[in-house]
C-alpha atoms as a PDB file:
ATOM      1  CA  MET A   1       0.000   0.000   0.000  1.00  0.00           C
ATOM      2  CA  SER A   2       1.261   3.502  -0.826  1.00  0.00           C
ATOM      3  CA  SER A   3       1.752   6.157   1.840  1.00  0.00           C
ATOM      4  CA  VAL A   4       1.707   9.954   1.680  1.00  0.00           C
ATOM      5  CA  LYS A   5       4.336  12.387   3.002  1.00  0.00           C
ATOM      6  CA  VAL A   6       3.575  16.123   3.282  1.00  0.00           C
ATOM      7  CA  SER A   7       6.287  18.767   3.316  1.00  0.00           C
ATOM      8  CA  GLY A   8       6.484  22.530   2.843  1.00  0.00           C
ATOM      9  CA  SER A   9       8.921  25.081   1.513  1.00  0.00           C
ATOM     10  CA  ALA A  10       9.862  28.711   2.041  1.00  0.00           C
ATOM     11  CA  THR A  11       8.480  29.639  -1.374  1.00  0.00           C
ATOM     12  CA  GLY A  12       4.874  29.219  -0.272  1.00  0.00           C
ATOM     13  CA  THR A  13       4.196  25.751  -1.643  1.00  0.00           C
ATOM     14  CA  ALA A  14       3.253  22.407  -0.143  1.00  0.00           C
ATOM     15  CA  ASN A  15       4.537  19.109  -1.508  1.00  0.00           C
ATOM     16  CA  PHE A  16       2.487  15.912  -1.309  1.00  0.00           C
ATOM     17  CA  THR A  17       4.691  12.906  -2.027  1.00  0.00           C
ATOM     18  CA  ILE A  18       2.967   9.591  -2.729  1.00  0.00           C
ATOM     19  CA  ILE A  19       5.521   6.997  -1.699  1.00  0.00           C
ATOM     20  CA  ALA A  20       5.266   3.925  -3.920  1.00  0.00           C
ATOM     21  CA  PRO A  21       5.426   0.396  -2.475  1.00  0.00           C
ATOM     22  CA  SER A  22       8.967  -0.976  -2.549  1.00  0.00           C
ATOM     23  CA  GLY A  23      10.081  -2.190  -5.961  1.00  0.00           C
ATOM     24  CA  THR A  24       6.865  -1.402  -7.834  1.00  0.00           C
ATOM     25  CA  SER A  25       7.303   2.137  -9.191  1.00  0.00           C
ATOM     26  CA  THR A  26       8.777   5.522  -8.404  1.00  0.00           C
ATOM     27  CA  ASP A  27       7.411   8.070  -5.937  1.00  0.00           C
ATOM     28  CA  ARG A  28       5.069  10.767  -7.203  1.00  0.00           C
ATOM     29  CA  THR A  29       5.189  14.371  -5.955  1.00  0.00           C
ATOM     30  CA  LEU A  30       2.334  16.865  -6.227  1.00  0.00           C
ATOM     31  CA  THR A  31       3.136  20.521  -5.503  1.00  0.00           C
ATOM     32  CA  LEU A  32       0.338  22.928  -4.539  1.00  0.00           C
ATOM     33  CA  PRO A  33       0.524  26.683  -3.922  1.00  0.00           C
ATOM     34  CA  ASP A  34      -0.041  27.850  -0.351  1.00  0.00           C
ATOM     35  CA  GLU A  35      -3.072  29.967  -1.246  1.00  0.00           C
ATOM     36  CA  ALA A  36      -6.474  30.408   0.339  1.00  0.00           C
ATOM     37  CA  GLY A  37      -9.085  28.230  -1.333  1.00  0.00           C
ATOM     38  CA  THR A  38      -6.665  25.572  -2.566  1.00  0.00           C
ATOM     39  CA  VAL A  39      -8.329  22.170  -2.133  1.00  0.00           C
ATOM     40  CA  LEU A  40      -6.904  18.723  -2.814  1.00  0.00           C
ATOM     41  CA  THR A  41      -9.570  16.227  -3.886  1.00  0.00           C
ATOM     42  CA  SER A  42      -9.589  12.664  -5.183  1.00  0.00           C
ATOM     43  CA  ALA A  43     -11.839  11.065  -7.784  1.00  0.00           C
ATOM     44  CA  SER A  44     -11.770   7.777  -5.870  1.00  0.00           C
ATOM     45  CA  ASP A  45     -11.868   6.612  -2.279  1.00  0.00           C
ATOM     46  CA  ILE A  46      -8.536   6.564  -0.426  1.00  0.00           C
ATOM     47  CA  ALA A  47      -7.400   3.122   0.742  1.00  0.00           C
ATOM     48  CA  GLY A  48     -10.830   1.684  -0.083  1.00  0.00           C
ATOM     49  CA  GLN A  49     -12.610   3.780   2.539  1.00  0.00           C
ATOM     50  CA  ALA A  50     -16.071   5.125   1.790  1.00  0.00           C
ATOM     51  CA  GLY A  51     -16.427   8.871   1.532  1.00  0.00           C
ATOM     52  CA  GLY A  52     -19.073   9.032   4.264  1.00  0.00           C
ATOM     53  CA  ILE A  53     -22.833   8.604   4.400  1.00  0.00           C
ATOM     54  CA  THR A  54     -24.496  10.538   1.585  1.00  0.00           C
ATOM     55  CA  HIS A  55     -28.132   9.613   2.316  1.00  0.00           C
ATOM     56  CA  PHE A  56     -30.090   8.996   5.509  1.00  0.00           C
ATOM     57  CA  ASP A  57     -33.858   9.107   5.866  1.00  0.00           C
ATOM     58  CA  ALA A  58     -36.328   8.284   8.649  1.00  0.00           C
ATOM     59  CA  TRP A  59     -40.047   7.519   8.445  1.00  0.00           C
ATOM     60  CA  ARG A  60     -42.715   6.662  11.012  1.00  0.00           C
ATOM     61  CA  LEU A  61     -46.431   6.104  11.480  1.00  0.00           C
ATOM     62  CA  SER A  62     -47.965   9.385  12.591  1.00  0.00           C
ATOM     63  CA  ALA A  63     -50.935   7.629  14.251  1.00  0.00           C
ATOM     64  CA  GLY A  64     -51.903   4.164  15.392  1.00  0.00           C
ATOM     65  CA  VAL A  65     -53.483   1.653  13.007  1.00  0.00           C
ATOM     66  CA  SER A  66     -55.823  -1.211  13.923  1.00  0.00           C
ATOM     67  CA  VAL A  67     -54.607  -4.531  12.516  1.00  0.00           C
ATOM     68  CA  SER A  68     -56.365  -7.897  12.448  1.00  0.00           C
ATOM     69  CA  SER A  69     -54.938 -11.326  13.098  1.00  0.00           C
ATOM     70  CA  GLY A  70     -53.090 -12.886  10.182  1.00  0.00           C
ATOM     71  CA  VAL A  71     -50.894 -11.089   7.650  1.00  0.00           C
ATOM     72  CA  THR A  72     -51.413  -7.393   6.881  1.00  0.00           C
ATOM     73  CA  ASP A  73     -49.351  -5.085   4.668  1.00  0.00           C
ATOM     74  CA  ILE A  74     -48.529  -1.783   6.373  1.00  0.00           C
ATOM     75  CA  THR A  75     -50.039   0.336   3.610  1.00  0.00           C
ATOM     76  CA  SER A  76     -51.322   3.071   5.923  1.00  0.00           C
ATOM     77  CA  ALA A  77     -51.502   6.641   4.675  1.00  0.00           C
ATOM     78  CA  ASN A  78     -50.113   7.547   8.104  1.00  0.00           C
ATOM     79  CA  TRP A  79     -46.506   7.107   6.966  1.00  0.00           C
ATOM     80  CA  GLU A  80     -44.670  10.426   7.418  1.00  0.00           C
ATOM     81  CA  GLN A  81     -41.058  11.527   7.182  1.00  0.00           C
ATOM     82  CA  VAL A  82     -39.668  12.258  10.648  1.00  0.00           C
ATOM     83  CA  ASP A  83     -39.834  16.031  11.094  1.00  0.00           C
ATOM     84  CA  SER A  84     -39.435  16.705  14.835  1.00  0.00           C
ATOM     85  CA  SER A  85     -36.602  16.842  17.402  1.00  0.00           C
ATOM     86  CA  ASP A  86     -34.087  18.011  14.764  1.00  0.00           C
ATOM     87  CA  PRO A  87     -34.061  14.789  12.671  1.00  0.00           C
ATOM     88  CA  ALA A  88     -30.762  13.725  11.117  1.00  0.00           C
ATOM     89  CA  LEU A  89     -31.899  13.625   7.483  1.00  0.00           C
ATOM     90  CA  LYS A  90     -29.372  13.807   4.657  1.00  0.00           C
ATOM     91  CA  GLY A  91     -29.506  13.694   0.860  1.00  0.00           C
ATOM     92  CA  ALA A  92     -32.538  12.873  -1.269  1.00  0.00           C
ATOM     93  CA  GLY A  93     -35.228  11.115   0.750  1.00  0.00           C
ATOM     94  CA  MET A  94     -37.213   7.936   0.251  1.00  0.00           C
ATOM     95  CA  SER A  95     -40.690   8.001  -1.246  1.00  0.00           C
ATOM     96  CA  VAL A  96     -43.611   5.779  -0.261  1.00  0.00           C
ATOM     97  CA  SER A  97     -46.871   4.910  -2.003  1.00  0.00           C
ATOM     98  CA  SER A  98     -49.400   2.457  -0.521  1.00  0.00           C
ATOM     99  CA  GLY A  99     -46.693   1.199   1.821  1.00  0.00           C
ATOM    100  CA  ILE A 100     -44.119   0.523  -0.918  1.00  0.00           C
ATOM    101  CA  PHE A 101     -40.826   2.386  -0.423  1.00  0.00           C
ATOM    102  CA  THR A 102     -38.729   3.575  -3.367  1.00  0.00           C
ATOM    103  CA  PHE A 103     -35.051   4.469  -3.025  1.00  0.00           C
ATOM    104  CA  PRO A 104     -33.794   7.836  -4.330  1.00  0.00           C
ATOM    105  CA  VAL A 105     -30.476   6.511  -5.680  1.00  0.00           C
ATOM    106  CA  THR A 106     -28.709   3.206  -6.211  1.00  0.00           C
ATOM    107  CA  GLY A 107     -26.225   1.901  -3.670  1.00  0.00           C
ATOM    108  CA  LEU A 108     -25.751  -0.410  -0.708  1.00  0.00           C
ATOM    109  CA  TRP A 109     -28.499   0.420   1.795  1.00  0.00           C
ATOM    110  CA  ARG A 110     -29.117  -0.570   5.408  1.00  0.00           C
ATOM    111  CA  ILE A 111     -32.790  -0.666   6.434  1.00  0.00           C
ATOM    112  CA  ASP A 112     -33.709  -0.614  10.139  1.00  0.00           C
ATOM    113  CA  PHE A 113     -37.348  -1.102  11.073  1.00  0.00           C
ATOM    114  CA  ILE A 114     -38.884  -0.927  14.559  1.00  0.00           C
ATOM    115  CA  GLY A 115     -42.508  -1.924  15.078  1.00  0.00           C
ATOM    116  CA  ASN A 116     -44.590  -1.528  18.246  1.00  0.00           C
ATOM    117  CA  TYR A 117     -47.843  -3.326  19.065  1.00  0.00           C
ATOM    118  CA  ASP A 118     -50.225  -2.455  21.910  1.00  0.00           C
ATOM    119  CA  SER A 119     -53.888  -2.870  22.905  1.00  0.00           C
ATOM    120  CA  PHE A 120     -54.123  -6.572  22.038  1.00  0.00           C
ATOM    121  CA  SER A 121     -57.556  -8.190  22.018  1.00  0.00           C
ATOM    122  CA  ALA A 122     -55.988 -11.199  23.756  1.00  0.00           C
ATOM    123  CA  ALA A 123     -52.574 -12.605  24.607  1.00  0.00           C
ATOM    124  CA  ALA A 124     -50.610 -13.043  21.400  1.00  0.00           C
ATOM    125  CA  SER A 125     -48.663 -16.268  20.917  1.00  0.00           C
ATOM    126  CA  TYR A 126     -46.803 -14.518  18.109  1.00  0.00           C
ATOM    127  CA  ALA A 127     -46.530 -10.920  16.960  1.00  0.00           C
ATOM    128  CA  GLY A 128     -44.042 -10.196  14.216  1.00  0.00           C
ATOM    129  CA  PHE A 129     -42.982  -8.023  11.326  1.00  0.00           C
ATOM    130  CA  ARG A 130     -41.531  -8.925   7.958  1.00  0.00           C
ATOM    131  CA  LEU A 131     -39.583  -6.880   5.442  1.00  0.00           C
ATOM    132  CA  TYR A 132     -40.336  -7.851   1.855  1.00  0.00           C
ATOM    133  CA  ALA A 133     -38.116  -6.874  -1.080  1.00  0.00           C
ATOM    134  CA  THR A 134     -38.558  -6.994  -4.842  1.00  0.00           C
ATOM    135  CA  LEU A 135     -35.906  -6.965  -7.566  1.00  0.00           C
ATOM    136  CA  ASP A 136     -38.326  -6.668 -10.488  1.00  0.00           C
ATOM    137  CA  GLY A 137     -40.898  -4.218  -9.102  1.00  0.00           C
ATOM    138  CA  SER A 138     -43.658  -6.816  -8.704  1.00  0.00           C
ATOM    139  CA  SER A 139     -42.584 -10.137  -7.149  1.00  0.00           C
ATOM    140  CA  TYR A 140     -41.884  -9.725  -3.418  1.00  0.00           C
ATOM    141  CA  GLY A 141     -40.040 -12.143  -1.164  1.00  0.00           C
ATOM    142  CA  ILE A 142     -39.247 -12.161   2.571  1.00  0.00           C
ATOM    143  CA  ALA A 143     -35.874 -10.496   3.132  1.00  0.00           C
ATOM    144  CA  ALA A 144     -35.908 -10.227   6.942  1.00  0.00           C
ATOM    145  CA  GLU A 145     -38.263 -10.755   9.865  1.00  0.00           C
ATOM    146  CA  GLY A 146     -38.556 -10.381  13.640  1.00  0.00           C
ATOM    147  CA  TRP A 147     -40.907 -11.922  16.219  1.00  0.00           C
ATOM    148  CA  GLY A 148     -42.272 -11.378  19.697  1.00  0.00           C
ATOM    149  CA  ASN A 149     -45.204 -12.465  21.861  1.00  0.00           C
ATOM    150  CA  THR A 150     -47.184 -11.362  24.894  1.00  0.00           C
ATOM    151  CA  TYR A 151     -48.822 -13.104  27.833  1.00  0.00           C
ATOM    152  CA  SER A 152     -51.589 -10.534  28.314  1.00  0.00           C
ATOM    153  CA  ALA A 153     -53.767  -8.211  26.286  1.00  0.00           C
ATOM    154  CA  THR A 154     -52.366  -5.137  28.056  1.00  0.00           C
ATOM    155  CA  SER A 155     -48.724  -5.743  27.132  1.00  0.00           C
ATOM    156  CA  ASN A 156     -46.671  -3.890  24.537  1.00  0.00           C
ATOM    157  CA  VAL A 157     -44.411  -5.667  22.055  1.00  0.00           C
ATOM    158  CA  ALA A 158     -41.509  -3.972  20.224  1.00  0.00           C
ATOM    159  CA  VAL A 159     -39.855  -5.857  17.354  1.00  0.00           C
ATOM    160  CA  PRO A 160     -36.772  -4.731  15.345  1.00  0.00           C
ATOM    161  CA  VAL A 161     -35.960  -5.896  11.802  1.00  0.00           C
ATOM    162  CA  THR A 162     -32.762  -5.092   9.846  1.00  0.00           C
ATOM    163  CA  HIS A 163     -31.839  -5.787   6.226  1.00  0.00           C
ATOM    164  CA  TYR A 164     -28.958  -4.827   3.899  1.00  0.00           C
ATOM    165  CA  PHE A 165     -30.145  -4.201   0.340  1.00  0.00           C
ATOM    166  CA  ASP A 166     -28.053  -3.813  -2.831  1.00  0.00           C
ATOM    167  CA  VAL A 167     -30.163  -1.384  -4.849  1.00  0.00           C
ATOM    168  CA  THR A 168     -28.890  -1.559  -8.428  1.00  0.00           C
ATOM    169  CA  ASP A 169     -32.050  -0.125 -10.038  1.00  0.00           C
ATOM    170  CA  THR A 170     -34.343   2.313  -8.217  1.00  0.00           C
ATOM    171  CA  SER A 171     -37.259   1.542 -10.548  1.00  0.00           C
ATOM    172  CA  THR A 172     -37.346  -2.170  -9.658  1.00  0.00           C
ATOM    173  CA  HIS A 173     -35.681  -2.564  -6.225  1.00  0.00           C
ATOM    174  CA  LYS A 174     -38.302  -1.687  -3.605  1.00  0.00           C
ATOM    175  CA  ILE A 175     -39.361  -2.808  -0.116  1.00  0.00           C
ATOM    176  CA  LYS A 176     -42.471  -3.002   2.064  1.00  0.00           C
ATOM    177  CA  PHE A 177     -43.341  -4.095   5.602  1.00  0.00           C
ATOM    178  CA  THR A 178     -46.037  -6.452   6.910  1.00  0.00           C
ATOM    179  CA  CYS A 179     -47.579  -7.385  10.265  1.00  0.00           C
ATOM    180  CA  GLU A 180     -48.245 -11.001  11.219  1.00  0.00           C
ATOM    181  CA  LEU A 181     -50.267 -11.676  14.373  1.00  0.00           C
ATOM    182  CA  SER A 182     -52.160 -14.388  16.203  1.00  0.00           C
ATOM    183  CA  THR A 183     -54.730 -11.830  17.411  1.00  0.00           C
ATOM    184  CA  SER A 184     -55.899  -8.316  16.566  1.00  0.00           C
ATOM    185  CA  CYS A 185     -54.251  -5.266  18.145  1.00  0.00           C
ATOM    186  CA  ASN A 186     -53.070  -1.711  17.519  1.00  0.00           C
ATOM    187  CA  LEU A 187     -49.942  -0.876  15.524  1.00  0.00           C
ATOM    188  CA  ALA A 188     -48.599   2.047  17.515  1.00  0.00           C
ATOM    189  CA  GLY A 189     -47.872   5.425  15.926  1.00  0.00           C
ATOM    190  CA  ALA A 190     -47.395   9.058  16.962  1.00  0.00           C
ATOM    191  CA  THR A 191     -46.543  12.256  15.131  1.00  0.00           C
ATOM    192  CA  GLY A 192     -44.237  13.699  17.804  1.00  0.00           C
ATOM    193  CA  GLN A 193     -42.134  10.593  18.379  1.00  0.00           C
ATOM    194  CA  THR A 194     -41.229   7.397  16.559  1.00  0.00           C
ATOM    195  CA  ARG A 195     -43.069   4.316  17.809  1.00  0.00           C
ATOM    196  CA  THR A 196     -43.266   2.383  14.549  1.00  0.00           C
ATOM    197  CA  GLY A 197     -40.741   3.542  11.987  1.00  0.00           C
ATOM    198  CA  ALA A 198     -38.143   2.753   9.343  1.00  0.00           C
ATOM    199  CA  PHE A 199     -34.651   4.181   8.892  1.00  0.00           C
ATOM    200  CA  PHE A 200     -32.746   4.100   5.611  1.00  0.00           C
ATOM    201  CA  THR A 201     -28.949   4.559   5.439  1.00  0.00           C
ATOM    202  CA  ARG A 202     -26.934   4.490   2.209  1.00  0.00           C
ATOM    203  CA  LEU A 203     -23.596   2.874   3.108  1.00  0.00           C
ATOM    204  CA  GLY A 204     -21.837   3.273  -0.239  1.00  0.00           C
ATOM    205  CA  ASP A 205     -21.859   2.525  -3.936  1.00  0.00           C
ATOM    206  CA  THR A 206     -23.284  -0.700  -5.294  1.00  0.00           C
END
């Protein structure tokens, strides 16, 4: 691996010397003027390191939704982008239509979902969430899931789900979330805080 040595001179310049690995090639020296506004940039990542997170978005249910036993897509119109408590949003945001989320740009994405159930009609032997993904825009498959249960109708259940998604085409690579329950209950939501929500982080290029 190459290394970099920085040196200066009395003539108002700075020298950046890229020291080549032993026996492979000669060193390279880049000289820059010591002037305000001079910036050294690179067209590629240094030493394979990503250039930082370029996109982060957070969504939540702004109000609770009644869900029945069985499998239910979370298609609620209550999805809203987090807009309180100084949210850490960055770059172009996600879009959602009928519960289907579309990514703004291609890349390697991490998806973190947290779902909260309350007000059960009875004790739930299982209460889970699933993240479905599609690569062709129509056929969805289970990408990740999480499960919980409760011994009484008055309990709350919080379930996290995480998935890493290689989005190579924003028109076909989409995701959605579903509930799966043994009994009916309330899917918790609130507009001032996140109770059921999804967080989208672009980690780097695909």
